Amino acid sequence: MLYSEVLDSVKEQAGGGWSAMVSEDWLQGRSVFGGLQAGLALRAMRFVVPGGVPLRSLQTTFLAPVPAGPLHLQARVLRAGKSATHVEAQLTDGQQTLCTAIGIFGAARPSVVQIAPVQPAVVCDKPLTFPYIAGLTPAFTQHFDVRWLRGGLPFTGSKETRNVLEIGLRDAGGSLASEEHVLGIADFIPPIALSLLKKPSVGSSMTWMIEFLGNYTGGLPLQGWRMDAELVAAGDGYTSQSGLLWGPDGSPVALSRQNMVVFA
């Protein structure tokens, strides 16, 4: 299934909530790719949020592995103020909550404070292409086109704690990047700590917070995105990683922060 096909599979259920179908090619180990989990949570939120109000922040906690196949989604408004609306969404399997997310949607308001980061130049003579190898690299990676412009691929013993990736999402022809697409693109980058290792190991996200830096309304292509990420700290098997996602036009789109676990 294409990313957009998974999102479009979200349907309202007679007994309440929504259902979705995720194919096995979106697995990341035992669980569905985290960026797609967040995208599904956001799609459910959009059923209860006033139309046209942009997403400002999404905080996601990955509680348990999300299997491929049918999923159940719940979403509810926690508070709706004059400008901001807080919404909770959950991915569930029976009575078990597998993923929970809090989204904050906010209408634009006048402000004299206007600051935006400027994309720094990256010099790369020999970019590293991330290959999809069935049975070796995670299944979901077959849906992406990725090149490392700085840093090393996972398990290459790199010394670099800053990575720069060029990322594209393979989806239906002519598709443009919605908010949900941005979540998938932003979450592609694996734990940088894995690049420091010399042999394969497992790593995964526990929490993820992403902030949209402006009134993103879509319209950008799915190819040519760039993630500038940094491993801020690591210890006791846990890592803290931050990133800034740039659109294909060089505009700053989203700020990412992840708490991860690495089993090495």
Protein backbone atom coordinates (compact mmCIF):
# COMPACT_ATOMS: atom_id res chain seq x y z
CA MET A 1 0.00 0.00 0.00
CA LEU A 2 1.13 3.54 -0.72
CA TYR A 3 1.30 5.99 2.17
CA SER A 4 -1.76 7.86 0.88
CA GLU A 5 -3.66 4.57 0.46
CA VAL A 6 -3.12 3.70 4.12
CA LEU A 7 -4.37 7.16 5.14
CA ASP A 8 -7.37 6.89 2.83
CA SER A 9 -8.26 3.51 4.36
CA VAL A 10 -9.38 5.30 7.55
CA LYS A 11 -13.15 4.81 7.76
CA GLU A 12 -15.70 5.63 10.43
CA GLN A 13 -17.03 2.63 12.36
CA ALA A 14 -20.63 2.15 13.34
CA GLY A 15 -19.69 1.46 16.96
CA GLY A 16 -17.58 4.61 17.28
CA GLY A 17 -14.09 5.57 16.24
CA TRP A 18 -12.41 4.74 12.96
CA SER A 19 -10.69 1.75 11.39
CA ALA A 20 -7.62 1.60 9.15
CA MET A 21 -5.70 -1.07 7.25
CA VAL A 22 -1.90 -1.19 7.15
CA SER A 23 -0.01 -3.59 4.88
CA GLU A 24 3.12 -5.46 6.01
CA ASP A 25 5.40 -3.40 3.77
CA TRP A 26 5.03 -0.60 6.34
CA LEU A 27 6.56 -2.57 9.19
CA GLN A 28 9.65 -1.40 11.04
CA GLY A 29 10.68 -4.60 12.76
CA ARG A 30 7.66 -5.83 14.73
CA SER A 31 5.79 -2.52 14.55
CA VAL A 32 4.31 -0.21 11.95
CA PHE A 33 6.64 2.66 11.01
CA GLY A 34 6.27 5.42 13.63
CA GLY A 35 5.78 8.20 11.10
CA LEU A 36 2.79 6.35 9.68
CA GLN A 37 1.38 5.78 13.17
CA ALA A 38 1.55 9.53 13.74
CA GLY A 39 0.01 10.16 10.32
CA LEU A 40 -2.93 7.87 11.11
CA ALA A 41 -3.42 9.56 14.48
CA LEU A 42 -3.48 12.94 12.74
CA ARG A 43 -5.95 11.69 10.13
CA ALA A 44 -8.30 10.63 12.96
CA MET A 45 -7.85 14.01 14.65
CA ARG A 46 -8.89 15.76 11.46
CA PHE A 47 -12.36 14.24 11.80
CA VAL A 48 -12.94 16.21 15.02
CA VAL A 49 -10.96 19.43 14.41
CA PRO A 50 -12.51 22.45 12.68
CA GLY A 51 -11.49 22.53 9.04
CA GLY A 52 -8.68 24.79 7.95
CA VAL A 53 -6.98 25.09 11.35
CA PRO A 54 -3.32 24.07 10.87
CA LEU A 55 -1.44 21.63 13.06
CA ARG A 56 1.10 23.37 15.28
CA SER A 57 2.44 20.54 17.42
CA LEU A 58 2.09 16.76 17.70
CA GLN A 59 3.35 14.77 20.70
CA THR A 60 3.39 11.01 20.20
CA THR A 61 4.16 8.18 22.62
CA PHE A 62 4.82 4.72 21.19
CA LEU A 63 3.53 2.35 23.87
CA ALA A 64 3.63 -1.08 22.22
CA PRO A 65 4.31 -2.63 18.80
CA VAL A 66 1.58 -1.86 16.27
CA PRO A 67 1.01 -4.90 14.03
CA ALA A 68 0.15 -4.75 10.35
CA GLY A 69 -3.47 -5.40 9.46
CA PRO A 70 -6.64 -3.75 10.75
CA LEU A 71 -6.27 -1.02 13.37
CA HIS A 72 -8.78 0.90 15.46
CA LEU A 73 -8.48 4.66 15.96
CA GLN A 74 -10.05 6.96 18.53
CA ALA A 75 -9.95 10.76 18.63
CA ARG A 76 -11.52 13.34 20.93
CA VAL A 77 -11.21 17.06 21.60
CA LEU A 78 -9.67 17.72 25.01
CA ARG A 79 -10.17 21.49 24.90
CA ALA A 80 -11.21 24.01 22.29
CA GLY A 81 -10.20 27.58 23.02
CA LYS A 82 -10.51 30.78 21.03
CA SER A 83 -7.42 30.04 18.92
CA ALA A 84 -6.08 26.63 19.91
CA THR A 85 -7.67 23.18 20.01
CA HIS A 86 -6.10 20.23 21.84
CA VAL A 87 -6.98 16.79 20.49
CA GLU A 88 -6.08 13.29 21.67
CA ALA A 89 -5.88 10.26 19.36
CA GLN A 90 -5.10 6.62 20.06
CA LEU A 91 -4.28 3.54 18.01
CA THR A 92 -5.70 0.48 19.73
CA ASP A 93 -5.89 -3.28 19.39
CA GLY A 94 -8.85 -4.53 21.37
CA GLN A 95 -8.53 -3.04 24.85
CA GLN A 96 -4.80 -2.31 24.50
CA THR A 97 -3.58 1.18 23.61
CA LEU A 98 -0.59 0.91 21.27
CA CYS A 99 0.09 4.55 20.46
CA THR A 100 -1.24 7.81 21.86
CA ALA A 101 -0.85 11.32 20.45
CA ILE A 102 -1.77 14.85 21.46
CA GLY A 103 -2.19 17.36 18.66
CA ILE A 104 -2.45 21.13 19.04
CA PHE A 105 -4.17 22.99 16.24
CA GLY A 106 -3.95 26.76 16.21
CA ALA A 107 -5.38 29.51 14.04
CA ALA A 108 -2.97 32.17 12.84
CA ARG A 109 -2.90 35.40 14.81
CA PRO A 110 -1.18 38.78 14.24
CA SER A 111 2.29 39.09 15.80
CA VAL A 112 5.22 41.52 15.55
CA VAL A 113 7.63 38.63 16.25
CA GLN A 114 8.63 37.00 12.96
CA ILE A 115 11.73 34.78 12.98
CA ALA A 116 12.57 31.91 10.66
CA PRO A 117 15.74 29.79 10.40
CA VAL A 118 17.79 29.90 7.21
CA GLN A 119 18.89 26.63 5.65
CA PRO A 120 22.68 26.23 5.85
CA ALA A 121 24.62 24.99 2.86
CA VAL A 122 25.91 21.41 2.85
CA VAL A 123 28.92 20.40 0.81
CA CYS A 124 28.81 16.73 -0.18
CA ASP A 125 30.97 15.28 -2.93
CA LYS A 126 29.84 11.68 -2.51
CA PRO A 127 26.33 11.29 -1.06
CA LEU A 128 25.50 7.84 0.34
CA THR A 129 22.35 6.24 -1.05
CA PHE A 130 20.30 4.22 1.44
CA PRO A 131 19.51 0.89 -0.23
CA TYR A 132 16.40 -1.17 0.37
CA ILE A 133 17.42 -4.82 0.77
CA ALA A 134 14.53 -7.20 1.40
CA GLY A 135 14.98 -9.09 4.66
CA LEU A 136 17.81 -6.84 5.79
CA THR A 137 16.62 -3.24 5.89
CA PRO A 138 13.23 -2.37 7.46
CA ALA A 139 10.29 -3.04 5.14
CA PHE A 140 8.93 0.50 5.25
CA THR A 141 12.14 1.94 3.77
CA GLN A 142 11.17 0.65 0.32
CA HIS A 143 8.74 3.57 0.13
CA PHE A 144 11.48 6.20 0.43
CA ASP A 145 14.34 7.62 -1.64
CA VAL A 146 17.09 8.66 0.76
CA ARG A 147 20.65 9.96 0.50
CA TRP A 148 23.04 10.79 3.33
CA LEU A 149 24.68 14.17 2.65
CA ARG A 150 26.46 14.18 6.01
CA GLY A 151 27.14 11.43 8.53
CA GLY A 152 27.14 7.66 8.05
CA LEU A 153 24.63 4.95 7.30
CA PRO A 154 23.51 2.76 10.22
CA PHE A 155 26.10 0.30 11.57
CA THR A 156 29.07 1.84 9.73
CA GLY A 157 31.01 2.96 12.82
CA SER A 158 30.66 6.65 11.99
CA LYS A 159 32.05 9.25 14.42
CA GLU A 160 29.63 11.93 13.24
CA THR A 161 26.80 12.96 15.59
CA ARG A 162 25.23 15.30 13.02
CA ASN A 163 23.46 13.82 10.02
CA VAL A 164 21.95 15.49 6.98
CA LEU A 165 19.58 13.42 4.84
CA GLU A 166 17.83 14.15 1.58
CA ILE A 167 14.46 12.37 1.72
CA GLY A 168 11.72 11.64 -0.77
CA LEU A 169 8.51 9.68 -0.27
CA ARG A 170 7.25 7.42 -3.05
CA ASP A 171 3.52 7.87 -3.36
CA ALA A 172 0.87 8.22 -6.05
CA GLY A 173 1.94 10.25 -9.07
CA GLY A 174 1.18 13.94 -8.70
CA SER A 175 0.69 13.73 -4.94
CA LEU A 176 1.75 16.71 -2.85
CA ALA A 177 2.93 16.60 0.75
CA SER A 178 0.08 16.98 3.22
CA GLU A 179 0.64 17.39 6.97
CA GLU A 180 0.43 13.60 7.27
CA HIS A 181 3.06 13.14 4.55
CA VAL A 182 5.37 15.53 6.39
CA LEU A 183 5.15 13.32 9.48
CA GLY A 184 6.25 10.30 7.46
CA ILE A 185 9.15 12.17 5.87
CA ALA A 186 10.29 13.71 9.15
CA ASP A 187 10.35 10.38 10.99
CA PHE A 188 12.34 8.45 8.41
CA ILE A 189 15.73 9.22 9.95
CA PRO A 190 16.87 6.32 12.17
CA PRO A 191 18.55 6.84 15.54
CA ILE A 192 21.90 8.50 14.78
CA ALA A 193 23.34 6.29 17.51
CA LEU A 194 22.95 3.33 15.14
CA SER A 195 25.40 4.97 12.73
CA LEU A 196 28.02 4.96 15.49
CA LEU A 197 27.78 1.18 15.86
CA LYS A 198 29.85 -1.28 13.84
CA LYS A 199 27.38 -4.15 13.89
CA PRO A 200 23.57 -4.40 13.63
CA SER A 201 21.47 -3.65 16.68
CA VAL A 202 17.91 -2.60 17.41
CA GLY A 203 16.75 0.93 18.12
CA SER A 204 13.32 2.53 18.36
CA SER A 205 11.53 5.72 19.39
CA MET A 206 9.69 5.99 22.69
CA THR A 207 8.43 9.54 22.32
CA TRP A 208 8.38 12.01 19.45
CA MET A 209 7.43 15.67 19.38
CA ILE A 210 7.22 17.60 16.13
CA GLU A 211 6.40 21.29 15.79
CA PHE A 212 5.32 22.87 12.53
CA LEU A 213 7.18 26.16 12.17
CA GLY A 214 4.54 27.97 10.18
CA ASN A 215 1.11 27.72 8.67
CA TYR A 216 1.88 24.67 6.53
CA THR A 217 -0.94 24.07 4.10
CA GLY A 218 0.68 21.53 1.78
CA GLY A 219 1.52 22.11 -1.84
CA LEU A 220 5.17 21.01 -1.74
CA PRO A 221 6.32 17.96 -3.73
CA LEU A 222 7.17 14.66 -2.02
CA GLN A 223 10.77 14.59 -3.24
CA GLY A 224 13.72 16.75 -2.23
CA TRP A 225 13.10 17.20 1.52
CA ARG A 226 16.06 17.60 3.87
CA MET A 227 16.47 16.63 7.51
CA ASP A 228 19.31 18.15 9.55
CA ALA A 229 19.55 16.04 12.71
CA GLU A 230 21.81 15.89 15.75
CA LEU A 231 22.41 13.27 18.43
CA VAL A 232 22.29 15.60 21.44
CA ALA A 233 22.99 13.08 24.19
CA ALA A 234 23.21 9.33 24.80
CA GLY A 235 23.58 7.17 27.91
CA ASP A 236 22.15 4.14 29.72
CA GLY A 237 20.75 2.86 26.43
CA TYR A 238 18.68 5.99 25.75
CA THR A 239 19.33 8.78 23.27
CA SER A 240 18.00 12.28 22.64
CA GLN A 241 17.89 13.42 19.04
CA SER A 242 16.73 16.67 17.45
CA GLY A 243 16.13 17.63 13.84
CA LEU A 244 15.00 20.40 11.54
CA LEU A 245 13.04 19.46 8.44
CA TRP A 246 13.38 21.65 5.35
CA GLY A 247 11.00 21.61 2.41
CA PRO A 248 12.17 21.08 -1.18
CA ASP A 249 12.12 24.87 -1.62
CA GLY A 250 14.51 25.34 1.31
CA SER A 251 11.81 26.59 3.67
CA PRO A 252 11.86 25.48 7.34
CA VAL A 253 8.83 23.25 7.89
CA ALA A 254 9.13 21.36 11.17
CA LEU A 255 11.24 20.93 14.31
CA SER A 256 11.62 17.38 15.64
CA ARG A 257 12.68 15.99 19.01
CA GLN A 258 12.84 12.27 19.80
CA ASN A 259 13.67 10.16 22.84
CA MET A 260 14.94 6.78 21.64
CA VAL A 261 16.23 3.51 23.01
CA VAL A 262 19.19 1.65 21.52
CA PHE A 263 19.87 -1.97 22.52
CA ALA A 264 23.65 -1.81 22.29
